[in-house]
Amino acid sequence: MKKLTQWVVGVNILSILWLSLLFNQYDSKISKEHFLVIQFLPIILLISFGVFALAVILYRVATFNNCQSAAEDLQAEIKEARTALKQKGFKFD
């Protein structure tokens, strides 16, 4: 629950800052010049987060380590299960 609380607090702080810029609570030159960007900031951040998450997933898949010993153990367990099921009358195609 601690990580969830951190995310909720962070999103709330960003939302408050965004809403204050959106409704011109602070009369600044930046908010007037980049008002269109401020309007679409949540969508931009959401797309950026999605691209980042996709990049992380693709990187982790590309650098995934092979575990030969674990693969051999799994193959041995599969063979044992097949023989046990054949003894009980199960037929494989």
PDB file of N, CA and C in Angstrom:
ATOM      1  N   MET A   1       0.816  -1.191   0.000  1.00  0.00           N
ATOM      2  CA  MET A   1       0.000   0.000   0.000  1.00  0.00           C
ATOM      3  C   MET A   1       0.863   1.260   0.000  1.00  0.00           C
ATOM      4  N   LYS A   2       2.080   1.128   0.432  1.00  0.00           N
ATOM      5  CA  LYS A   2       2.964   2.284   0.509  1.00  0.00           C
ATOM      6  C   LYS A   2       3.254   2.847  -0.878  1.00  0.00           C
ATOM      7  N   LYS A   3       3.512   1.983  -1.857  1.00  0.00           N
ATOM      8  CA  LYS A   3       3.801   2.435  -3.216  1.00  0.00           C
ATOM      9  C   LYS A   3       2.561   3.081  -3.841  1.00  0.00           C
ATOM     10  N   LEU A   4       1.386   2.507  -3.573  1.00  0.00           N
ATOM     11  CA  LEU A   4       0.146   3.088  -4.072  1.00  0.00           C
ATOM     12  C   LEU A   4      -0.048   4.490  -3.511  1.00  0.00           C
ATOM     13  N   THR A   5       0.244   4.683  -2.243  1.00  0.00           N
ATOM     14  CA  THR A   5       0.114   5.998  -1.630  1.00  0.00           C
ATOM     15  C   THR A   5       1.053   6.998  -2.290  1.00  0.00           C
ATOM     16  N   GLN A   6       2.271   6.573  -2.596  1.00  0.00           N
ATOM     17  CA  GLN A   6       3.221   7.468  -3.262  1.00  0.00           C
ATOM     18  C   GLN A   6       2.704   7.875  -4.639  1.00  0.00           C
ATOM     19  N   TRP A   7       2.161   6.929  -5.390  1.00  0.00           N
ATOM     20  CA  TRP A   7       1.646   7.238  -6.717  1.00  0.00           C
ATOM     21  C   TRP A   7       0.446   8.179  -6.631  1.00  0.00           C
ATOM     22  N   VAL A   8      -0.450   7.938  -5.683  1.00  0.00           N
ATOM     23  CA  VAL A   8      -1.636   8.793  -5.546  1.00  0.00           C
ATOM     24  C   VAL A   8      -1.232  10.212  -5.158  1.00  0.00           C
ATOM     25  N   VAL A   9      -0.296  10.341  -4.250  1.00  0.00           N
ATOM     26  CA  VAL A   9       0.171  11.676  -3.851  1.00  0.00           C
ATOM     27  C   VAL A   9       0.835  12.377  -5.039  1.00  0.00           C
ATOM     28  N   GLY A  10       1.668  11.663  -5.779  1.00  0.00           N
ATOM     29  CA  GLY A  10       2.331  12.263  -6.933  1.00  0.00           C
ATOM     30  C   GLY A  10       1.344  12.708  -7.998  1.00  0.00           C
ATOM     31  N   VAL A  11       0.352  11.877  -8.290  1.00  0.00           N
ATOM     32  CA  VAL A  11      -0.658  12.233  -9.290  1.00  0.00           C
ATOM     33  C   VAL A  11      -1.482  13.424  -8.815  1.00  0.00           C
ATOM     34  N   ASN A  12      -1.792  13.471  -7.536  1.00  0.00           N
ATOM     35  CA  ASN A  12      -2.552  14.603  -7.003  1.00  0.00           C
ATOM     36  C   ASN A  12      -1.760  15.905  -7.104  1.00  0.00           C
ATOM     37  N   ILE A  13      -0.489  15.865  -6.800  1.00  0.00           N
ATOM     38  CA  ILE A  13       0.335  17.071  -6.896  1.00  0.00           C
ATOM     39  C   ILE A  13       0.416  17.547  -8.344  1.00  0.00           C
ATOM     40  N   LEU A  14       0.660  16.616  -9.268  1.00  0.00           N
ATOM     41  CA  LEU A  14       0.707  16.985 -10.679  1.00  0.00           C
ATOM     42  C   LEU A  14      -0.640  17.505 -11.175  1.00  0.00           C
ATOM     43  N   SER A  15      -1.721  16.924 -10.702  1.00  0.00           N
ATOM     44  CA  SER A  15      -3.053  17.387 -11.103  1.00  0.00           C
ATOM     45  C   SER A  15      -3.322  18.801 -10.614  1.00  0.00           C
ATOM     46  N   ILE A  16      -2.932  19.084  -9.387  1.00  0.00           N
ATOM     47  CA  ILE A  16      -3.127  20.423  -8.842  1.00  0.00           C
ATOM     48  C   ILE A  16      -2.313  21.440  -9.634  1.00  0.00           C
ATOM     49  N   LEU A  17      -1.064  21.108  -9.939  1.00  0.00           N
ATOM     50  CA  LEU A  17      -0.240  22.026 -10.732  1.00  0.00           C
ATOM     51  C   LEU A  17      -0.825  22.233 -12.125  1.00  0.00           C
ATOM     52  N   TRP A  18      -1.280  21.152 -12.742  1.00  0.00           N
ATOM     53  CA  TRP A  18      -1.853  21.264 -14.082  1.00  0.00           C
ATOM     54  C   TRP A  18      -3.126  22.097 -14.072  1.00  0.00           C
ATOM     55  N   LEU A  19      -3.996  21.850 -13.105  1.00  0.00           N
ATOM     56  CA  LEU A  19      -5.237  22.622 -13.038  1.00  0.00           C
ATOM     57  C   LEU A  19      -4.980  24.103 -12.758  1.00  0.00           C
ATOM     58  N   SER A  20      -3.978  24.382 -11.931  1.00  0.00           N
ATOM     59  CA  SER A  20      -3.666  25.788 -11.663  1.00  0.00           C
ATOM     60  C   SER A  20      -3.144  26.491 -12.911  1.00  0.00           C
ATOM     61  N   LEU A  21      -2.370  25.787 -13.721  1.00  0.00           N
ATOM     62  CA  LEU A  21      -1.917  26.374 -14.987  1.00  0.00           C
ATOM     63  C   LEU A  21      -3.051  26.456 -16.004  1.00  0.00           C
ATOM     64  N   LEU A  22      -3.918  25.473 -16.001  1.00  0.00           N
ATOM     65  CA  LEU A  22      -5.014  25.436 -16.958  1.00  0.00           C
ATOM     66  C   LEU A  22      -6.008  26.571 -16.720  1.00  0.00           C
ATOM     67  N   PHE A  23      -6.303  26.849 -15.474  1.00  0.00           N
ATOM     68  CA  PHE A  23      -7.280  27.891 -15.145  1.00  0.00           C
ATOM     69  C   PHE A  23      -6.631  29.232 -14.824  1.00  0.00           C
ATOM     70  N   ASN A  24      -5.378  29.396 -15.215  1.00  0.00           N
ATOM     71  CA  ASN A  24      -4.653  30.668 -15.089  1.00  0.00           C
ATOM     72  C   ASN A  24      -4.660  31.227 -13.665  1.00  0.00           C
ATOM     73  N   GLN A  25      -4.397  30.372 -12.698  1.00  0.00           N
ATOM     74  CA  GLN A  25      -4.292  30.840 -11.323  1.00  0.00           C
ATOM     75  C   GLN A  25      -3.050  31.705 -11.132  1.00  0.00           C
ATOM     76  N   TYR A  26      -2.015  31.389 -11.879  1.00  0.00           N
ATOM     77  CA  TYR A  26      -0.784  32.161 -11.830  1.00  0.00           C
ATOM     78  C   TYR A  26      -0.596  32.808 -13.197  1.00  0.00           C
ATOM     79  N   ASP A  27      -0.654  34.105 -13.213  1.00  0.00           N
ATOM     80  CA  ASP A  27      -0.536  34.830 -14.472  1.00  0.00           C
ATOM     81  C   ASP A  27       0.930  34.880 -14.876  1.00  0.00           C
ATOM     82  N   SER A  28       1.309  33.953 -15.751  1.00  0.00           N
ATOM     83  CA  SER A  28       2.695  33.898 -16.176  1.00  0.00           C
ATOM     84  C   SER A  28       2.784  33.883 -17.691  1.00  0.00           C
ATOM     85  N   LYS A  29       3.945  34.252 -18.184  1.00  0.00           N
ATOM     86  CA  LYS A  29       4.187  34.306 -19.619  1.00  0.00           C
ATOM     87  C   LYS A  29       4.185  32.898 -20.219  1.00  0.00           C
ATOM     88  N   ILE A  30       4.708  31.940 -19.480  1.00  0.00           N
ATOM     89  CA  ILE A  30       4.804  30.566 -19.975  1.00  0.00           C
ATOM     90  C   ILE A  30       3.419  29.962 -20.172  1.00  0.00           C
ATOM     91  N   SER A  31       2.510  30.189 -19.228  1.00  0.00           N
ATOM     92  CA  SER A  31       1.181  29.603 -19.354  1.00  0.00           C
ATOM     93  C   SER A  31       0.398  30.213 -20.509  1.00  0.00           C
ATOM     94  N   LYS A  32       0.681  31.452 -20.864  1.00  0.00           N
ATOM     95  CA  LYS A  32       0.000  32.072 -21.997  1.00  0.00           C
ATOM     96  C   LYS A  32       0.589  31.596 -23.324  1.00  0.00           C
ATOM     97  N   GLU A  33       1.904  31.450 -23.375  1.00  0.00           N
ATOM     98  CA  GLU A  33       2.556  31.048 -24.620  1.00  0.00           C
ATOM     99  C   GLU A  33       2.320  29.575 -24.959  1.00  0.00           C
ATOM    100  N   HIS A  34       2.249  28.736 -23.967  1.00  0.00           N
ATOM    101  CA  HIS A  34       2.140  27.288 -24.184  1.00  0.00           C
ATOM    102  C   HIS A  34       0.812  26.740 -23.673  1.00  0.00           C
ATOM    103  N   PHE A  35      -0.253  27.491 -23.866  1.00  0.00           N
ATOM    104  CA  PHE A  35      -1.549  27.065 -23.335  1.00  0.00           C
ATOM    105  C   PHE A  35      -2.042  25.784 -24.003  1.00  0.00           C
ATOM    106  N   LEU A  36      -1.802  25.628 -25.299  1.00  0.00           N
ATOM    107  CA  LEU A  36      -2.241  24.418 -26.001  1.00  0.00           C
ATOM    108  C   LEU A  36      -1.531  23.178 -25.464  1.00  0.00           C
ATOM    109  N   VAL A  37      -0.243  23.315 -25.192  1.00  0.00           N
ATOM    110  CA  VAL A  37       0.512  22.194 -24.615  1.00  0.00           C
ATOM    111  C   VAL A  37      -0.009  21.872 -23.212  1.00  0.00           C
ATOM    112  N   ILE A  38      -0.333  22.908 -22.444  1.00  0.00           N
ATOM    113  CA  ILE A  38      -0.856  22.694 -21.087  1.00  0.00           C
ATOM    114  C   ILE A  38      -2.196  21.968 -21.140  1.00  0.00           C
ATOM    115  N   GLN A  39      -3.013  22.304 -22.125  1.00  0.00           N
ATOM    116  CA  GLN A  39      -4.310  21.633 -22.239  1.00  0.00           C
ATOM    117  C   GLN A  39      -4.157  20.134 -22.484  1.00  0.00           C
ATOM    118  N   PHE A  40      -3.216  19.767 -23.323  1.00  0.00           N
ATOM    119  CA  PHE A  40      -3.047  18.360 -23.686  1.00  0.00           C
ATOM    120  C   PHE A  40      -1.968  17.652 -22.866  1.00  0.00           C
ATOM    121  N   LEU A  41      -1.491  18.261 -21.813  1.00  0.00           N
ATOM    122  CA  LEU A  41      -0.422  17.676 -21.006  1.00  0.00           C
ATOM    123  C   LEU A  41      -0.754  16.293 -20.438  1.00  0.00           C
ATOM    124  N   PRO A  42      -1.954  16.040 -19.901  1.00  0.00           N
ATOM    125  CA  PRO A  42      -2.246  14.679 -19.403  1.00  0.00           C
ATOM    126  C   PRO A  42      -2.172  13.622 -20.501  1.00  0.00           C
ATOM    127  N   ILE A  43      -2.655  13.953 -21.689  1.00  0.00           N
ATOM    128  CA  ILE A  43      -2.607  12.997 -22.789  1.00  0.00           C
ATOM    129  C   ILE A  43      -1.166  12.757 -23.218  1.00  0.00           C
ATOM    130  N   ILE A  44      -0.376  13.824 -23.277  1.00  0.00           N
ATOM    131  CA  ILE A  44       1.035  13.708 -23.640  1.00  0.00           C
ATOM    132  C   ILE A  44       1.772  12.842 -22.624  1.00  0.00           C
ATOM    133  N   LEU A  45       1.507  13.062 -21.344  1.00  0.00           N
ATOM    134  CA  LEU A  45       2.168  12.272 -20.303  1.00  0.00           C
ATOM    135  C   LEU A  45       1.741  10.809 -20.351  1.00  0.00           C
ATOM    136  N   LEU A  46       0.480  10.564 -20.631  1.00  0.00           N
ATOM    137  CA  LEU A  46      -0.013   9.188 -20.719  1.00  0.00           C
ATOM    138  C   LEU A  46       0.624   8.454 -21.900  1.00  0.00           C
ATOM    139  N   ILE A  47       0.723   9.114 -23.037  1.00  0.00           N
ATOM    140  CA  ILE A  47       1.365   8.503 -24.201  1.00  0.00           C
ATOM    141  C   ILE A  47       2.848   8.274 -23.927  1.00  0.00           C
ATOM    142  N   SER A  48       3.502   9.242 -23.277  1.00  0.00           N
ATOM    143  CA  SER A  48       4.924   9.091 -22.943  1.00  0.00           C
ATOM    144  C   SER A  48       5.138   7.905 -22.006  1.00  0.00           C
ATOM    145  N   PHE A  49       4.262   7.763 -21.017  1.00  0.00           N
ATOM    146  CA  PHE A  49       4.365   6.636 -20.097  1.00  0.00           C
ATOM    147  C   PHE A  49       4.174   5.313 -20.832  1.00  0.00           C
ATOM    148  N   GLY A  50       3.232   5.256 -21.769  1.00  0.00           N
ATOM    149  CA  GLY A  50       3.008   4.048 -22.544  1.00  0.00           C
ATOM    150  C   GLY A  50       4.207   3.683 -23.402  1.00  0.00           C
ATOM    151  N   VAL A  51       4.819   4.677 -24.034  1.00  0.00           N
ATOM    152  CA  VAL A  51       6.001   4.429 -24.862  1.00  0.00           C
ATOM    153  C   VAL A  51       7.160   3.945 -23.993  1.00  0.00           C
ATOM    154  N   PHE A  52       7.320   4.562 -22.821  1.00  0.00           N
ATOM    155  CA  PHE A  52       8.379   4.145 -21.901  1.00  0.00           C
ATOM    156  C   PHE A  52       8.151   2.703 -21.431  1.00  0.00           C
ATOM    157  N   ALA A  53       6.923   2.378 -21.068  1.00  0.00           N
ATOM    158  CA  ALA A  53       6.615   1.021 -20.605  1.00  0.00           C
ATOM    159  C   ALA A  53       6.862  -0.001 -21.714  1.00  0.00           C
ATOM    160  N   LEU A  54       6.476   0.336 -22.934  1.00  0.00           N
ATOM    161  CA  LEU A  54       6.716  -0.563 -24.062  1.00  0.00           C
ATOM    162  C   LEU A  54       8.201  -0.746 -24.314  1.00  0.00           C
ATOM    163  N   ALA A  55       8.973   0.334 -24.201  1.00  0.00           N
ATOM    164  CA  ALA A  55      10.423   0.240 -24.402  1.00  0.00           C
ATOM    165  C   ALA A  55      11.065  -0.641 -23.330  1.00  0.00           C
ATOM    166  N   VAL A  56      10.619  -0.503 -22.094  1.00  0.00           N
ATOM    167  CA  VAL A  56      11.163  -1.328 -21.009  1.00  0.00           C
ATOM    168  C   VAL A  56      10.836  -2.801 -21.239  1.00  0.00           C
ATOM    169  N   ILE A  57       9.606  -3.083 -21.642  1.00  0.00           N
ATOM    170  CA  ILE A  57       9.213  -4.471 -21.891  1.00  0.00           C
ATOM    171  C   ILE A  57      10.021  -5.063 -23.038  1.00  0.00           C
ATOM    172  N   LEU A  58      10.161  -4.319 -24.132  1.00  0.00           N
ATOM    173  CA  LEU A  58      10.939  -4.813 -25.270  1.00  0.00           C
ATOM    174  C   LEU A  58      12.402  -5.026 -24.904  1.00  0.00           C
ATOM    175  N   TYR A  59      12.965  -4.141 -24.100  1.00  0.00           N
ATOM    176  CA  TYR A  59      14.357  -4.300 -23.674  1.00  0.00           C
ATOM    177  C   TYR A  59      14.515  -5.542 -22.804  1.00  0.00           C
ATOM    178  N   ARG A  60      13.584  -5.730 -21.872  1.00  0.00           N
ATOM    179  CA  ARG A  60      13.674  -6.897 -20.981  1.00  0.00           C
ATOM    180  C   ARG A  60      13.489  -8.200 -21.745  1.00  0.00           C
ATOM    181  N   VAL A  61      12.628  -8.200 -22.743  1.00  0.00           N
ATOM    182  CA  VAL A  61      12.451  -9.409 -23.554  1.00  0.00           C
ATOM    183  C   VAL A  61      13.699  -9.677 -24.388  1.00  0.00           C
ATOM    184  N   ALA A  62      14.295  -8.615 -24.927  1.00  0.00           N
ATOM    185  CA  ALA A  62      15.486  -8.779 -25.768  1.00  0.00           C
ATOM    186  C   ALA A  62      16.686  -9.257 -24.962  1.00  0.00           C
ATOM    187  N   THR A  63      16.775  -8.894 -23.696  1.00  0.00           N
ATOM    188  CA  THR A  63      17.928  -9.274 -22.876  1.00  0.00           C
ATOM    189  C   THR A  63      17.591 -10.381 -21.887  1.00  0.00           C
ATOM    190  N   PHE A  64      16.539 -11.142 -22.172  1.00  0.00           N
ATOM    191  CA  PHE A  64      16.117 -12.223 -21.279  1.00  0.00           C
ATOM    192  C   PHE A  64      17.168 -13.320 -21.268  1.00  0.00           C
ATOM    193  N   ASN A  65      17.540 -13.769 -20.083  1.00  0.00           N
ATOM    194  CA  ASN A  65      18.561 -14.812 -19.948  1.00  0.00           C
ATOM    195  C   ASN A  65      17.956 -16.199 -20.130  1.00  0.00           C
ATOM    196  N   ASN A  66      18.695 -17.053 -20.816  1.00  0.00           N
ATOM    197  CA  ASN A  66      18.303 -18.454 -20.948  1.00  0.00           C
ATOM    198  C   ASN A  66      18.869 -19.237 -19.770  1.00  0.00           C
ATOM    199  N   CYS A  67      18.065 -20.105 -19.235  1.00  0.00           N
ATOM    200  CA  CYS A  67      18.506 -20.954 -18.125  1.00  0.00           C
ATOM    201  C   CYS A  67      18.484 -22.395 -18.622  1.00  0.00           C
ATOM    202  N   GLN A  68      19.628 -22.875 -19.085  1.00  0.00           N
ATOM    203  CA  GLN A  68      19.699 -24.211 -19.657  1.00  0.00           C
ATOM    204  C   GLN A  68      19.380 -25.282 -18.623  1.00  0.00           C
ATOM    205  N   SER A  69      19.890 -25.129 -17.417  1.00  0.00           N
ATOM    206  CA  SER A  69      19.639 -26.158 -16.400  1.00  0.00           C
ATOM    207  C   SER A  69      18.161 -26.217 -16.037  1.00  0.00           C
ATOM    208  N   ALA A  70      17.523 -25.064 -15.948  1.00  0.00           N
ATOM    209  CA  ALA A  70      16.090 -25.051 -15.647  1.00  0.00           C
ATOM    210  C   ALA A  70      15.294 -25.651 -16.800  1.00  0.00           C
ATOM    211  N   ALA A  71      15.714 -25.385 -18.037  1.00  0.00           N
ATOM    212  CA  ALA A  71      15.020 -25.960 -19.191  1.00  0.00           C
ATOM    213  C   ALA A  71      15.155 -27.476 -19.202  1.00  0.00           C
ATOM    214  N   GLU A  72      16.344 -27.974 -18.876  1.00  0.00           N
ATOM    215  CA  GLU A  72      16.546 -29.421 -18.833  1.00  0.00           C
ATOM    216  C   GLU A  72      15.718 -30.057 -17.721  1.00  0.00           C
ATOM    217  N   ASP A  73      15.656 -29.413 -16.570  1.00  0.00           N
ATOM    218  CA  ASP A  73      14.829 -29.919 -15.472  1.00  0.00           C
ATOM    219  C   ASP A  73      13.360 -29.959 -15.863  1.00  0.00           C
ATOM    220  N   LEU A  74      12.908 -28.921 -16.534  1.00  0.00           N
ATOM    221  CA  LEU A  74      11.517 -28.872 -16.954  1.00  0.00           C
ATOM    222  C   LEU A  74      11.214 -29.966 -17.968  1.00  0.00           C
ATOM    223  N   GLN A  75      12.125 -30.196 -18.915  1.00  0.00           N
ATOM    224  CA  GLN A  75      11.920 -31.264 -19.894  1.00  0.00           C
ATOM    225  C   GLN A  75      11.871 -32.633 -19.210  1.00  0.00           C
ATOM    226  N   ALA A  76      12.725 -32.824 -18.211  1.00  0.00           N
ATOM    227  CA  ALA A  76      12.713 -34.098 -17.472  1.00  0.00           C
ATOM    228  C   ALA A  76      11.394 -34.274 -16.725  1.00  0.00           C
ATOM    229  N   GLU A  77      10.876 -33.214 -16.122  1.00  0.00           N
ATOM    230  CA  GLU A  77       9.598 -33.294 -15.419  1.00  0.00           C
ATOM    231  C   GLU A  77       8.450 -33.579 -16.386  1.00  0.00           C
ATOM    232  N   ILE A  78       8.526 -33.012 -17.575  1.00  0.00           N
ATOM    233  CA  ILE A  78       7.489 -33.267 -18.582  1.00  0.00           C
ATOM    234  C   ILE A  78       7.508 -34.738 -18.988  1.00  0.00           C
ATOM    235  N   LYS A  79       8.709 -35.290 -19.179  1.00  0.00           N
ATOM    236  CA  LYS A  79       8.810 -36.712 -19.541  1.00  0.00           C
ATOM    237  C   LYS A  79       8.261 -37.594 -18.431  1.00  0.00           C
ATOM    238  N   GLU A  80       8.572 -37.249 -17.180  1.00  0.00           N
ATOM    239  CA  GLU A  80       8.059 -38.023 -16.044  1.00  0.00           C
ATOM    240  C   GLU A  80       6.537 -37.952 -15.991  1.00  0.00           C
ATOM    241  N   ALA A  81       5.981 -36.773 -16.226  1.00  0.00           N
ATOM    242  CA  ALA A  81       4.525 -36.626 -16.200  1.00  0.00           C
ATOM    243  C   ALA A  81       3.874 -37.413 -17.321  1.00  0.00           C
ATOM    244  N   ARG A  82       4.499 -37.414 -18.498  1.00  0.00           N
ATOM    245  CA  ARG A  82       3.946 -38.178 -19.628  1.00  0.00           C
ATOM    246  C   ARG A  82       3.924 -39.668 -19.325  1.00  0.00           C
ATOM    247  N   THR A  83       5.032 -40.168 -18.757  1.00  0.00           N
ATOM    248  CA  THR A  83       5.063 -41.602 -18.450  1.00  0.00           C
ATOM    249  C   THR A  83       4.046 -41.953 -17.366  1.00  0.00           C
ATOM    250  N   ALA A  84       3.892 -41.078 -16.391  1.00  0.00           N
ATOM    251  CA  ALA A  84       2.910 -41.340 -15.331  1.00  0.00           C
ATOM    252  C   ALA A  84       1.501 -41.324 -15.889  1.00  0.00           C
ATOM    253  N   LEU A  85       1.226 -40.401 -16.808  1.00  0.00           N
ATOM    254  CA  LEU A  85      -0.109 -40.346 -17.398  1.00  0.00           C
ATOM    255  C   LEU A  85      -0.362 -41.520 -18.335  1.00  0.00           C
ATOM    256  N   LYS A  86       0.663 -41.968 -19.046  1.00  0.00           N
ATOM    257  CA  LYS A  86       0.500 -43.139 -19.916  1.00  0.00           C
ATOM    258  C   LYS A  86       0.188 -44.385 -19.095  1.00  0.00           C
ATOM    259  N   GLN A  87       0.805 -44.499 -17.922  1.00  0.00           N
ATOM    260  CA  GLN A  87       0.533 -45.640 -17.056  1.00  0.00           C
ATOM    261  C   GLN A  87      -0.906 -45.628 -16.552  1.00  0.00           C
ATOM    262  N   LYS A  88      -1.471 -44.436 -16.434  1.00  0.00           N
ATOM    263  CA  LYS A  88      -2.860 -44.327 -15.961  1.00  0.00           C
ATOM    264  C   LYS A  88      -3.866 -44.417 -17.102  1.00  0.00           C
ATOM    265  N   GLY A  89      -3.377 -44.577 -18.352  1.00  0.00           N
ATOM    266  CA  GLY A  89      -4.281 -44.793 -19.469  1.00  0.00           C
ATOM    267  C   GLY A  89      -4.509 -43.560 -20.339  1.00  0.00           C
ATOM    268  N   PHE A  90      -3.831 -42.492 -20.111  1.00  0.00           N
ATOM    269  CA  PHE A  90      -3.985 -41.291 -20.948  1.00  0.00           C
ATOM    270  C   PHE A  90      -3.240 -41.479 -22.249  1.00  0.00           C
ATOM    271  N   LYS A  91      -3.864 -41.109 -23.363  1.00  0.00           N
ATOM    272  CA  LYS A  91      -3.254 -41.277 -24.677  1.00  0.00           C
ATOM    273  C   LYS A  91      -2.869 -39.910 -25.235  1.00  0.00           C
ATOM    274  N   PHE A  92      -1.628 -39.788 -25.704  1.00  0.00           N
ATOM    275  CA  PHE A  92      -1.144 -38.555 -26.333  1.00  0.00           C
ATOM    276  C   PHE A  92      -1.246 -38.695 -27.845  1.00  0.00           C
ATOM    277  N   ASP A  93      -1.539 -37.613 -28.532  1.00  0.00           N
ATOM    278  CA  ASP A  93      -1.618 -37.641 -30.008  1.00  0.00           C
ATOM    279  C   ASP A  93      -0.264 -37.437 -30.627  1.00  0.00           C
TER     280      ASP A  93
END
